[in-house]
Amino acid sequence: MKKRLLFLSSLLICGFATLAQNVTMDWNRYAPFPSEYYQTMFPIDLESEKLQENDVISVHISGVPDHDIDEFQIAIINEDAPTYWNEITGFGLVGDIKAGVSFEKTVELVVKKGLARPKLVLSGKNAELSATGSLVGSDILGQGGNGLGTSISLALSKCEFSLRTYNASATMLVENWDGKNQTSAIQNKISNVSVGDVLQVTISGKSDVDAKDLQVVLVDGTPQANYWKELSAWADFTNATITANTDFSFTTTLQITALPTNKDVAALQFYVVAASDSSIMQIENFNLSITLMKPSGAEKIEYKK
């Protein structure tokens, strides 16, 4: 199972909203040719000049399109000179939505920098629609007229925002796959392992959101191991359920099934995952404690952020 890590932070909440409205997503001639993309943007009421790097903006959006939109994404930008495209956040995926079918999704966007005059960008693809436009002449990029004159109408019934502010003291678990939230690498916690060794792993802390299905795995994260060689099976923290803002402590064991490729500093990495409705978890006072069981006796090693 490959890793894809992000580094984020979280959480004090305030809310913003825009009124229900109809928007038109025009064909995006600036996308790579041949463009299948449609896009629109409009101002939103968000005091973005007060944002800090790694704040998180949750966008709750719903509506009905008149055409299919594949890979529907949203982001927050401003259009100040000199680039006229300054990303306050990266893009967050809403998903594929169907013509005439209502959708509703909350997307969490990580702040890159605070900028004034924010706009919400809606972007997505429709290969069939983009191929029906006029083919006469060429656009300003010399890409041909494919898609010119076509658009997607989107009736937005809800577009609400909440801000989760950065907390540098927290350990972050960020969504990585199938709704699972994953820590960044926890390394330099054990010096070596042998096949058959048993590790007793205890995790504790306090999360800002509910979570369940906690697991841990040991990985060789070196380039020689293609950055992801599992040295154990994924170990479940049995019946582990996290309640938001409540202290937790769970213990499990995992057995070493393979040796790392080498003894590089990144050769022994722990990863902790959990399932949560939120794509970002903040854990205060996170602690990972390991007891390495060897024939000569137990060696206890602790990690604290």
Protein backbone atom coordinates (compact mmCIF):
# COMPACT_ATOMS: atom_id res chain seq x y z
CA MET A 1 0.00 0.00 0.00
CA LYS A 2 1.70 3.18 -1.21
CA LYS A 3 1.87 6.29 0.92
CA ARG A 4 0.98 9.80 -0.16
CA LEU A 5 1.64 12.23 2.64
CA LEU A 6 0.61 15.80 3.26
CA PHE A 7 1.52 18.06 6.13
CA LEU A 8 -1.38 20.04 7.55
CA SER A 9 -2.85 21.46 10.73
CA SER A 10 -6.15 22.43 12.46
CA LEU A 11 -8.75 23.83 14.55
CA LEU A 12 -10.96 26.60 15.90
CA ILE A 13 -14.15 27.11 13.95
CA CYS A 14 -15.92 30.12 12.51
CA GLY A 15 -18.45 30.06 9.69
CA PHE A 16 -19.11 31.86 6.41
CA ALA A 17 -21.71 31.23 3.71
CA THR A 18 -22.76 32.37 0.26
CA LEU A 19 -26.34 32.60 -0.95
CA ALA A 20 -27.82 29.99 -3.28
CA GLN A 21 -27.04 30.94 -6.86
CA ASN A 22 -26.79 29.73 -10.42
CA VAL A 23 -23.31 29.74 -11.91
CA THR A 24 -22.04 29.05 -15.42
CA MET A 25 -18.91 26.96 -15.91
CA ASP A 26 -17.44 27.97 -19.27
CA TRP A 27 -15.09 25.89 -21.37
CA ASN A 28 -11.52 26.49 -20.14
CA ARG A 29 -9.40 27.28 -23.19
CA TYR A 30 -6.32 27.64 -20.97
CA ALA A 31 -6.29 23.98 -19.92
CA PRO A 32 -3.95 21.56 -21.75
CA PHE A 33 -5.09 20.90 -25.32
CA PRO A 34 -7.44 19.32 -26.17
CA SER A 35 -9.22 20.80 -23.15
CA GLU A 36 -12.12 18.93 -21.58
CA TYR A 37 -12.28 21.34 -18.65
CA TYR A 38 -14.98 23.79 -17.58
CA GLN A 39 -14.42 26.42 -14.93
CA THR A 40 -15.92 29.37 -13.12
CA MET A 41 -14.97 31.54 -10.17
CA PHE A 42 -16.79 34.06 -8.00
CA PRO A 43 -16.00 36.19 -4.92
CA ILE A 44 -16.71 34.77 -1.45
CA ASP A 45 -17.03 36.39 1.96
CA LEU A 46 -13.91 35.17 3.70
CA GLU A 47 -11.39 37.27 5.64
CA SER A 48 -8.51 35.55 3.92
CA GLU A 49 -5.92 38.20 4.83
CA LYS A 50 -6.13 36.77 8.37
CA LEU A 51 -5.43 33.21 7.25
CA GLN A 52 -2.20 31.48 8.16
CA GLU A 53 -0.34 28.73 6.34
CA ASN A 54 -1.79 25.31 7.21
CA ASP A 55 -5.17 26.63 8.34
CA VAL A 56 -7.96 24.46 6.93
CA ILE A 57 -11.09 25.77 5.20
CA SER A 58 -14.01 23.33 5.06
CA VAL A 59 -16.34 23.99 2.10
CA HIS A 60 -19.81 22.45 2.27
CA ILE A 61 -21.19 22.60 -1.26
CA SER A 62 -24.36 21.22 -2.86
CA GLY A 63 -26.31 21.70 -6.07
CA VAL A 64 -27.47 20.26 -9.39
CA PRO A 65 -25.63 20.52 -12.77
CA ASP A 66 -27.28 20.40 -16.18
CA HIS A 67 -24.42 18.29 -17.59
CA ASP A 68 -22.14 15.63 -16.13
CA ILE A 69 -19.02 16.98 -14.44
CA ASP A 70 -16.11 14.57 -14.06
CA GLU A 71 -13.35 15.17 -11.53
CA PHE A 72 -15.22 18.15 -10.07
CA GLN A 73 -12.78 20.17 -7.93
CA ILE A 74 -12.77 23.37 -5.93
CA ALA A 75 -10.09 25.78 -4.72
CA ILE A 76 -9.79 29.29 -3.30
CA ILE A 77 -7.63 31.87 -5.13
CA ASN A 78 -7.24 35.58 -5.76
CA GLU A 79 -6.35 37.33 -8.99
CA ASP A 80 -3.84 39.95 -7.86
CA ALA A 81 -0.99 40.97 -10.14
CA PRO A 82 1.52 39.96 -11.27
CA THR A 83 0.41 36.34 -11.77
CA TYR A 84 -3.39 36.88 -11.57
CA TRP A 85 -3.66 33.32 -10.27
CA ASN A 86 -2.62 33.14 -6.61
CA GLU A 87 -3.74 29.94 -4.90
CA ILE A 88 -4.84 30.53 -1.32
CA THR A 89 -5.46 26.76 -1.17
CA GLY A 90 -4.79 23.80 -3.39
CA PHE A 91 -7.62 22.00 -5.19
CA GLY A 92 -9.92 19.62 -3.30
CA LEU A 93 -11.90 16.87 -5.02
CA VAL A 94 -15.71 16.82 -4.89
CA GLY A 95 -15.88 13.87 -7.31
CA ASP A 96 -17.90 12.93 -10.40
CA ILE A 97 -21.40 14.41 -10.45
CA LYS A 98 -24.26 13.64 -12.86
CA ALA A 99 -26.57 15.85 -14.89
CA GLY A 100 -29.85 16.52 -13.12
CA VAL A 101 -28.76 14.72 -9.95
CA SER A 102 -28.23 16.67 -6.75
CA PHE A 103 -24.88 16.34 -4.97
CA GLU A 104 -23.63 17.39 -1.55
CA LYS A 105 -20.05 17.22 -0.28
CA THR A 106 -17.76 18.77 2.30
CA VAL A 107 -14.21 19.35 1.06
CA GLU A 108 -11.31 20.45 3.27
CA LEU A 109 -8.81 22.83 1.68
CA VAL A 110 -5.39 23.53 3.18
CA VAL A 111 -4.26 27.14 3.19
CA LYS A 112 -0.98 27.93 1.44
CA LYS A 113 -1.03 31.65 2.27
CA GLY A 114 -3.47 34.37 3.26
CA LEU A 115 -4.59 36.74 0.52
CA ALA A 116 -7.31 39.39 0.22
CA ARG A 117 -10.23 39.33 -2.24
CA PRO A 118 -10.71 35.54 -2.30
CA LYS A 119 -12.60 33.75 -5.05
CA LEU A 120 -13.95 30.21 -5.12
CA VAL A 121 -12.92 28.25 -8.23
CA LEU A 122 -15.12 25.42 -9.55
CA SER A 123 -13.48 23.19 -12.15
CA GLY A 124 -14.33 19.90 -13.84
CA LYS A 125 -14.32 17.92 -17.08
CA ASN A 126 -16.87 16.88 -19.70
CA ALA A 127 -15.24 15.23 -22.72
CA GLU A 128 -18.47 14.83 -24.71
CA LEU A 129 -19.65 18.42 -24.28
CA SER A 130 -16.25 19.95 -25.02
CA ALA A 131 -16.13 18.13 -28.37
CA THR A 132 -19.39 19.72 -29.58
CA GLY A 133 -18.23 23.31 -29.80
CA SER A 134 -17.41 25.33 -32.90
CA LEU A 135 -14.25 24.26 -34.75
CA VAL A 136 -14.01 27.49 -36.72
CA GLY A 137 -10.92 29.60 -36.18
CA SER A 138 -8.50 29.40 -33.27
CA ASP A 139 -8.47 30.75 -29.76
CA ILE A 140 -5.79 33.04 -28.32
CA LEU A 141 -3.53 30.09 -27.48
CA GLY A 142 -3.72 28.67 -31.00
CA GLN A 143 -5.37 25.51 -29.71
CA GLY A 144 -8.29 25.54 -32.10
CA GLY A 145 -11.94 26.27 -31.39
CA ASN A 146 -12.81 22.95 -29.73
CA GLY A 147 -15.27 23.60 -26.91
CA LEU A 148 -15.83 27.28 -27.68
CA GLY A 149 -19.36 28.38 -26.90
CA THR A 150 -20.21 25.44 -24.64
CA SER A 151 -20.85 25.70 -20.90
CA ILE A 152 -22.27 23.89 -17.87
CA SER A 153 -24.96 25.47 -15.71
CA LEU A 154 -24.72 24.66 -12.02
CA ALA A 155 -27.51 25.51 -9.57
CA LEU A 156 -25.76 25.88 -6.21
CA SER A 157 -28.10 25.41 -3.26
CA LYS A 158 -25.42 25.59 -0.60
CA CYS A 159 -21.87 26.91 -0.34
CA GLU A 160 -20.76 27.26 3.28
CA PHE A 161 -17.33 27.72 4.79
CA SER A 162 -15.78 27.01 8.18
CA LEU A 163 -12.24 27.78 9.27
CA ARG A 164 -10.02 25.47 11.32
CA THR A 165 -6.96 27.35 12.53
CA TYR A 166 -3.43 25.99 12.65
CA ASN A 167 -2.20 24.32 15.83
CA ALA A 168 1.52 23.63 15.63
CA SER A 169 1.54 21.44 18.75
CA ALA A 170 -0.77 18.80 17.29
CA THR A 171 0.12 15.63 15.39
CA MET A 172 -1.80 15.48 12.13
CA LEU A 173 -3.41 12.50 10.43
CA VAL A 174 -4.30 13.35 6.83
CA GLU A 175 -6.59 11.43 4.46
CA ASN A 176 -4.57 9.14 2.24
CA TRP A 177 -6.87 6.50 0.76
CA ASP A 178 -10.46 5.24 1.06
CA GLY A 179 -11.28 7.62 3.91
CA LYS A 180 -8.25 6.54 5.95
CA ASN A 181 -6.23 9.22 7.73
CA GLN A 182 -2.48 8.63 8.00
CA THR A 183 0.35 10.13 10.02
CA SER A 184 3.60 11.19 8.48
CA ALA A 185 6.54 8.88 9.17
CA ILE A 186 7.43 8.19 12.81
CA GLN A 187 11.06 7.08 12.66
CA ASN A 188 14.21 6.66 14.76
CA LYS A 189 12.14 4.88 17.41
CA ILE A 190 13.78 1.46 17.16
CA SER A 191 17.31 0.73 16.04
CA ASN A 192 16.94 -2.69 14.42
CA VAL A 193 14.58 -5.64 14.11
CA SER A 194 14.73 -9.37 13.36
CA VAL A 195 12.14 -11.48 11.59
CA GLY A 196 9.82 -12.91 14.23
CA ASP A 197 10.26 -10.04 16.70
CA VAL A 198 7.03 -8.87 18.32
CA LEU A 199 6.43 -5.19 18.94
CA GLN A 200 3.89 -4.01 21.48
CA VAL A 201 2.61 -0.62 20.34
CA THR A 202 0.56 1.80 22.43
CA ILE A 203 -0.84 5.07 21.12
CA SER A 204 -2.54 7.79 23.14
CA GLY A 205 -3.71 11.38 22.87
CA LYS A 206 -6.84 13.46 22.24
CA SER A 207 -8.36 13.92 18.77
CA ASP A 208 -10.45 16.85 17.58
CA VAL A 209 -12.75 14.52 15.59
CA ASP A 210 -14.30 11.07 15.96
CA ALA A 211 -12.42 8.14 14.41
CA LYS A 212 -12.33 4.35 14.33
CA ASP A 213 -10.52 1.40 12.69
CA LEU A 214 -7.09 2.37 14.00
CA GLN A 215 -4.09 0.49 12.60
CA VAL A 216 -0.30 0.63 12.67
CA VAL A 217 2.41 -0.77 10.35
CA LEU A 218 6.22 -0.76 10.20
CA VAL A 219 7.73 0.24 6.84
CA ASP A 220 11.13 0.57 5.18
CA GLY A 221 10.84 4.03 3.61
CA THR A 222 14.21 4.21 1.85
CA PRO A 223 14.68 4.73 -1.90
CA GLN A 224 16.23 1.26 -2.08
CA ALA A 225 12.89 -0.15 -0.88
CA ASN A 226 10.96 2.00 -3.39
CA TYR A 227 9.94 4.16 -0.38
CA TRP A 228 7.39 1.61 0.85
CA LYS A 229 8.31 -1.93 1.92
CA GLU A 230 6.06 -3.29 4.65
CA LEU A 231 8.07 -5.02 7.38
CA SER A 232 4.96 -6.21 9.21
CA ALA A 233 1.30 -6.80 8.54
CA TRP A 234 -1.11 -3.99 9.37
CA ALA A 235 -2.01 -4.43 13.05
CA ASP A 236 -5.48 -3.44 14.28
CA PHE A 237 -6.07 -1.70 17.58
CA THR A 238 -9.01 -3.97 18.43
CA ASN A 239 -12.30 -2.18 19.16
CA ALA A 240 -10.47 1.16 19.10
CA THR A 241 -12.95 4.02 18.74
CA ILE A 242 -11.91 7.63 19.23
CA THR A 243 -14.44 10.13 20.56
CA ALA A 244 -13.70 13.76 19.74
CA ASN A 245 -12.05 15.78 22.52
CA THR A 246 -11.73 12.71 24.77
CA ASP A 247 -8.45 11.15 25.89
CA PHE A 248 -7.72 7.75 24.34
CA SER A 249 -5.13 4.99 24.77
CA PHE A 250 -5.00 1.77 22.72
CA THR A 251 -2.49 -1.11 22.54
CA THR A 252 -1.78 -3.74 19.90
CA THR A 253 1.06 -6.03 18.82
CA LEU A 254 2.67 -6.55 15.43
CA GLN A 255 5.22 -9.12 14.29
CA ILE A 256 8.19 -8.43 12.04
CA THR A 257 7.83 -10.39 8.78
CA ALA A 258 10.63 -8.85 6.67
CA LEU A 259 13.93 -7.06 7.14
CA PRO A 260 14.64 -3.52 5.93
CA THR A 261 16.68 -3.15 2.77
CA ASN A 262 19.44 -1.28 4.60
CA LYS A 263 20.15 0.57 7.84
CA ASP A 264 19.40 4.06 6.54
CA VAL A 265 17.75 6.51 8.95
CA ALA A 266 14.43 6.05 7.13
CA ALA A 267 14.57 2.25 7.07
CA LEU A 268 12.27 1.81 10.09
CA GLN A 269 9.14 3.97 9.96
CA PHE A 270 5.84 3.56 11.79
CA TYR A 271 2.58 4.76 10.25
CA VAL A 272 -0.69 5.09 12.16
CA VAL A 273 -4.00 5.26 10.29
CA ALA A 274 -7.62 5.78 11.32
CA ALA A 275 -11.00 6.11 9.59
CA SER A 276 -12.78 9.44 10.06
CA ASP A 277 -15.50 11.47 8.38
CA SER A 278 -13.04 14.35 8.44
CA SER A 279 -10.11 14.19 6.00
CA ILE A 280 -7.89 15.87 8.59
CA MET A 281 -7.41 14.80 12.23
CA GLN A 282 -5.57 16.77 14.90
CA ILE A 283 -4.25 14.78 17.86
CA GLU A 284 -3.07 16.67 20.92
CA ASN A 285 -0.41 15.12 23.18
CA PHE A 286 0.12 12.26 20.75
CA ASN A 287 2.34 9.54 22.17
CA LEU A 288 3.55 6.31 20.59
CA SER A 289 5.18 3.82 22.96
CA ILE A 290 6.94 0.67 21.71
CA THR A 291 8.14 -2.38 23.59
CA LEU A 292 10.47 -4.46 21.44
CA MET A 293 10.41 -8.10 22.55
CA LYS A 294 13.77 -9.79 21.99
CA PRO A 295 15.17 -13.02 23.43
CA SER A 296 17.50 -11.02 25.66
CA GLY A 297 14.59 -9.12 27.19
CA ALA A 298 12.20 -6.28 26.49
CA GLU A 299 13.45 -2.88 25.40
CA LYS A 300 10.98 -0.01 25.85
CA ILE A 301 11.22 2.91 23.46
CA GLU A 302 8.91 5.93 23.56
CA TYR A 303 8.11 8.61 21.04
CA LYS A 304 6.67 11.97 21.99
CA LYS A 305 6.03 14.90 19.66
